[in-house]
Amino acid sequence: MTQQQIDVNQLNQAKANVTLTQELLTQAIEKSASDQTMAQEAIKQATAEIASAQTAVSQVQSALLTQQQQQDYE
């Protein structure tokens, strides 16, 4: 039986995206009263980071499912 391989690099990338998202949302909260434009831009960037994180996690999950299916046929 083959052992499943997890792409740790992709998971680390997702983790970095989430960390950046937290920083951007903190910035948006801090700027919400004083600079609406900057707050909106931070939210826009946070949205893109969340999407990137979700893509990376989905790719890892898909690869694991593919590996599992291949193992089931062996």
N, C-alpha and C. Protein backbone atom coordinates (compact mmCIF):
# COMPACT_ATOMS: atom_id res chain seq x y z
N MET A 1 0.84 -1.19 0.00
CA MET A 1 0.00 0.00 0.00
C MET A 1 0.88 1.25 0.00
N THR A 2 0.60 2.18 -0.88
CA THR A 2 1.37 3.41 -1.01
C THR A 2 0.89 4.42 0.02
N GLN A 3 1.84 5.14 0.61
CA GLN A 3 1.48 6.17 1.59
C GLN A 3 1.08 7.45 0.86
N GLN A 4 0.05 8.11 1.36
CA GLN A 4 -0.40 9.35 0.76
C GLN A 4 0.62 10.46 1.00
N GLN A 5 0.79 11.28 -0.01
CA GLN A 5 1.70 12.42 0.08
C GLN A 5 0.88 13.71 0.13
N ILE A 6 1.20 14.54 1.09
CA ILE A 6 0.55 15.84 1.22
C ILE A 6 1.54 16.91 0.75
N ASP A 7 1.06 17.80 -0.09
CA ASP A 7 1.91 18.89 -0.57
C ASP A 7 1.98 19.97 0.51
N VAL A 8 3.00 19.85 1.34
CA VAL A 8 3.17 20.77 2.47
C VAL A 8 3.41 22.19 1.97
N ASN A 9 4.06 22.33 0.84
CA ASN A 9 4.30 23.68 0.30
C ASN A 9 2.99 24.40 0.01
N GLN A 10 2.03 23.68 -0.55
CA GLN A 10 0.74 24.31 -0.82
C GLN A 10 0.02 24.65 0.47
N LEU A 11 0.11 23.79 1.47
CA LEU A 11 -0.53 24.09 2.75
C LEU A 11 0.15 25.27 3.43
N ASN A 12 1.46 25.36 3.33
CA ASN A 12 2.17 26.52 3.88
C ASN A 12 1.77 27.80 3.15
N GLN A 13 1.57 27.71 1.85
CA GLN A 13 1.11 28.87 1.09
C GLN A 13 -0.28 29.30 1.56
N ALA A 14 -1.15 28.33 1.76
CA ALA A 14 -2.50 28.64 2.25
C ALA A 14 -2.43 29.31 3.62
N LYS A 15 -1.56 28.79 4.46
CA LYS A 15 -1.39 29.37 5.80
C LYS A 15 -0.90 30.82 5.70
N ALA A 16 0.04 31.07 4.80
CA ALA A 16 0.53 32.44 4.60
C ALA A 16 -0.58 33.35 4.08
N ASN A 17 -1.42 32.83 3.18
CA ASN A 17 -2.55 33.60 2.68
C ASN A 17 -3.50 33.98 3.81
N VAL A 18 -3.75 33.04 4.69
CA VAL A 18 -4.67 33.28 5.82
C VAL A 18 -4.07 34.32 6.77
N THR A 19 -2.77 34.20 7.03
CA THR A 19 -2.11 35.17 7.91
C THR A 19 -2.20 36.57 7.32
N LEU A 20 -1.94 36.69 6.02
CA LEU A 20 -2.04 37.99 5.37
C LEU A 20 -3.47 38.50 5.40
N THR A 21 -4.43 37.60 5.23
CA THR A 21 -5.84 37.99 5.31
C THR A 21 -6.16 38.59 6.67
N GLN A 22 -5.67 37.96 7.72
CA GLN A 22 -5.90 38.50 9.07
C GLN A 22 -5.33 39.90 9.21
N GLU A 23 -4.14 40.11 8.69
CA GLU A 23 -3.51 41.43 8.76
C GLU A 23 -4.30 42.46 7.97
N LEU A 24 -4.76 42.07 6.79
CA LEU A 24 -5.53 42.98 5.96
C LEU A 24 -6.87 43.34 6.61
N LEU A 25 -7.52 42.36 7.22
CA LEU A 25 -8.79 42.64 7.88
C LEU A 25 -8.60 43.52 9.10
N THR A 26 -7.51 43.31 9.82
CA THR A 26 -7.19 44.19 10.95
C THR A 26 -6.99 45.61 10.45
N GLN A 27 -6.27 45.75 9.34
CA GLN A 27 -6.06 47.07 8.75
C GLN A 27 -7.39 47.70 8.33
N ALA A 28 -8.26 46.90 7.73
CA ALA A 28 -9.57 47.42 7.30
C ALA A 28 -10.38 47.91 8.50
N ILE A 29 -10.34 47.15 9.58
CA ILE A 29 -11.06 47.56 10.79
C ILE A 29 -10.50 48.86 11.34
N GLU A 30 -9.18 48.94 11.40
CA GLU A 30 -8.54 50.14 11.94
C GLU A 30 -8.80 51.37 11.08
N LYS A 31 -8.89 51.20 9.78
CA LYS A 31 -9.06 52.32 8.87
C LYS A 31 -10.53 52.61 8.56
N SER A 32 -11.44 51.78 9.04
CA SER A 32 -12.84 51.90 8.64
C SER A 32 -13.44 53.27 8.96
N ALA A 33 -13.04 53.87 10.06
CA ALA A 33 -13.61 55.17 10.43
C ALA A 33 -12.89 56.33 9.76
N SER A 34 -11.58 56.18 9.52
CA SER A 34 -10.80 57.32 9.04
C SER A 34 -10.54 57.32 7.53
N ASP A 35 -10.50 56.16 6.90
CA ASP A 35 -10.15 56.11 5.48
C ASP A 35 -10.90 54.95 4.81
N GLN A 36 -12.10 55.25 4.38
CA GLN A 36 -12.96 54.22 3.76
C GLN A 36 -12.32 53.60 2.53
N THR A 37 -11.63 54.39 1.73
CA THR A 37 -11.00 53.87 0.51
C THR A 37 -9.94 52.83 0.85
N MET A 38 -9.11 53.16 1.84
CA MET A 38 -8.06 52.22 2.24
C MET A 38 -8.67 50.96 2.86
N ALA A 39 -9.72 51.12 3.63
CA ALA A 39 -10.40 49.97 4.23
C ALA A 39 -10.97 49.06 3.14
N GLN A 40 -11.59 49.66 2.14
CA GLN A 40 -12.16 48.88 1.04
C GLN A 40 -11.08 48.14 0.26
N GLU A 41 -9.95 48.79 0.05
CA GLU A 41 -8.85 48.14 -0.66
C GLU A 41 -8.30 46.96 0.15
N ALA A 42 -8.19 47.14 1.45
CA ALA A 42 -7.72 46.04 2.31
C ALA A 42 -8.69 44.86 2.25
N ILE A 43 -9.97 45.15 2.24
CA ILE A 43 -10.98 44.08 2.14
C ILE A 43 -10.88 43.38 0.79
N LYS A 44 -10.68 44.15 -0.26
CA LYS A 44 -10.52 43.58 -1.60
C LYS A 44 -9.31 42.64 -1.64
N GLN A 45 -8.20 43.08 -1.08
CA GLN A 45 -7.00 42.25 -1.04
C GLN A 45 -7.21 41.01 -0.17
N ALA A 46 -7.90 41.18 0.95
CA ALA A 46 -8.19 40.04 1.83
C ALA A 46 -9.03 39.00 1.09
N THR A 47 -9.98 39.46 0.32
CA THR A 47 -10.81 38.55 -0.47
C THR A 47 -9.97 37.72 -1.44
N ALA A 48 -9.01 38.36 -2.08
CA ALA A 48 -8.12 37.65 -3.01
C ALA A 48 -7.25 36.64 -2.27
N GLU A 49 -6.78 36.99 -1.08
CA GLU A 49 -5.96 36.07 -0.29
C GLU A 49 -6.77 34.86 0.16
N ILE A 50 -8.01 35.09 0.54
CA ILE A 50 -8.88 33.98 0.94
C ILE A 50 -9.09 33.03 -0.24
N ALA A 51 -9.31 33.60 -1.41
CA ALA A 51 -9.50 32.77 -2.61
C ALA A 51 -8.25 31.94 -2.90
N SER A 52 -7.09 32.55 -2.76
CA SER A 52 -5.84 31.82 -3.00
C SER A 52 -5.66 30.69 -1.99
N ALA A 53 -5.96 30.98 -0.74
CA ALA A 53 -5.85 29.94 0.30
C ALA A 53 -6.80 28.79 0.01
N GLN A 54 -8.01 29.13 -0.35
CA GLN A 54 -9.01 28.10 -0.65
C GLN A 54 -8.58 27.24 -1.84
N THR A 55 -8.02 27.86 -2.86
CA THR A 55 -7.54 27.11 -4.02
C THR A 55 -6.44 26.14 -3.62
N ALA A 56 -5.48 26.61 -2.84
CA ALA A 56 -4.37 25.75 -2.42
C ALA A 56 -4.87 24.56 -1.61
N VAL A 57 -5.76 24.80 -0.68
CA VAL A 57 -6.30 23.72 0.15
C VAL A 57 -7.10 22.75 -0.72
N SER A 58 -7.87 23.27 -1.63
CA SER A 58 -8.66 22.41 -2.53
C SER A 58 -7.77 21.53 -3.39
N GLN A 59 -6.66 22.08 -3.85
CA GLN A 59 -5.73 21.30 -4.67
C GLN A 59 -5.12 20.16 -3.85
N VAL A 60 -4.76 20.44 -2.62
CA VAL A 60 -4.21 19.39 -1.76
C VAL A 60 -5.27 18.32 -1.51
N GLN A 61 -6.47 18.75 -1.21
CA GLN A 61 -7.55 17.80 -0.95
C GLN A 61 -7.83 16.94 -2.18
N SER A 62 -7.85 17.55 -3.34
CA SER A 62 -8.09 16.82 -4.58
C SER A 62 -6.99 15.79 -4.83
N ALA A 63 -5.75 16.18 -4.60
CA ALA A 63 -4.63 15.25 -4.79
C ALA A 63 -4.75 14.07 -3.84
N LEU A 64 -5.13 14.34 -2.60
CA LEU A 64 -5.29 13.25 -1.63
C LEU A 64 -6.42 12.30 -2.03
N LEU A 65 -7.51 12.86 -2.51
CA LEU A 65 -8.62 12.02 -2.95
C LEU A 65 -8.22 11.16 -4.14
N THR A 66 -7.46 11.74 -5.07
CA THR A 66 -6.98 10.99 -6.23
C THR A 66 -6.07 9.85 -5.79
N GLN A 67 -5.16 10.15 -4.85
CA GLN A 67 -4.26 9.12 -4.34
C GLN A 67 -5.06 8.01 -3.66
N GLN A 68 -6.08 8.39 -2.91
CA GLN A 68 -6.90 7.39 -2.22
C GLN A 68 -7.62 6.50 -3.23
N GLN A 69 -8.14 7.10 -4.28
CA GLN A 69 -8.83 6.32 -5.31
C GLN A 69 -7.86 5.36 -5.99
N GLN A 70 -6.64 5.82 -6.24
CA GLN A 70 -5.65 4.96 -6.87
C GLN A 70 -5.30 3.80 -5.95
N GLN A 71 -5.21 4.05 -4.66
CA GLN A 71 -4.90 2.99 -3.69
C GLN A 71 -6.04 1.98 -3.61
N ASP A 72 -7.25 2.47 -3.74
CA ASP A 72 -8.41 1.58 -3.67
C ASP A 72 -8.43 0.59 -4.85
N TYR A 73 -7.85 0.99 -5.98
CA TYR A 73 -7.82 0.12 -7.15
C TYR A 73 -6.62 -0.81 -7.18
N GLU A 74 -5.66 -0.61 -6.27
CA GLU A 74 -4.47 -1.46 -6.25
C GLU A 74 -4.75 -2.79 -5.58
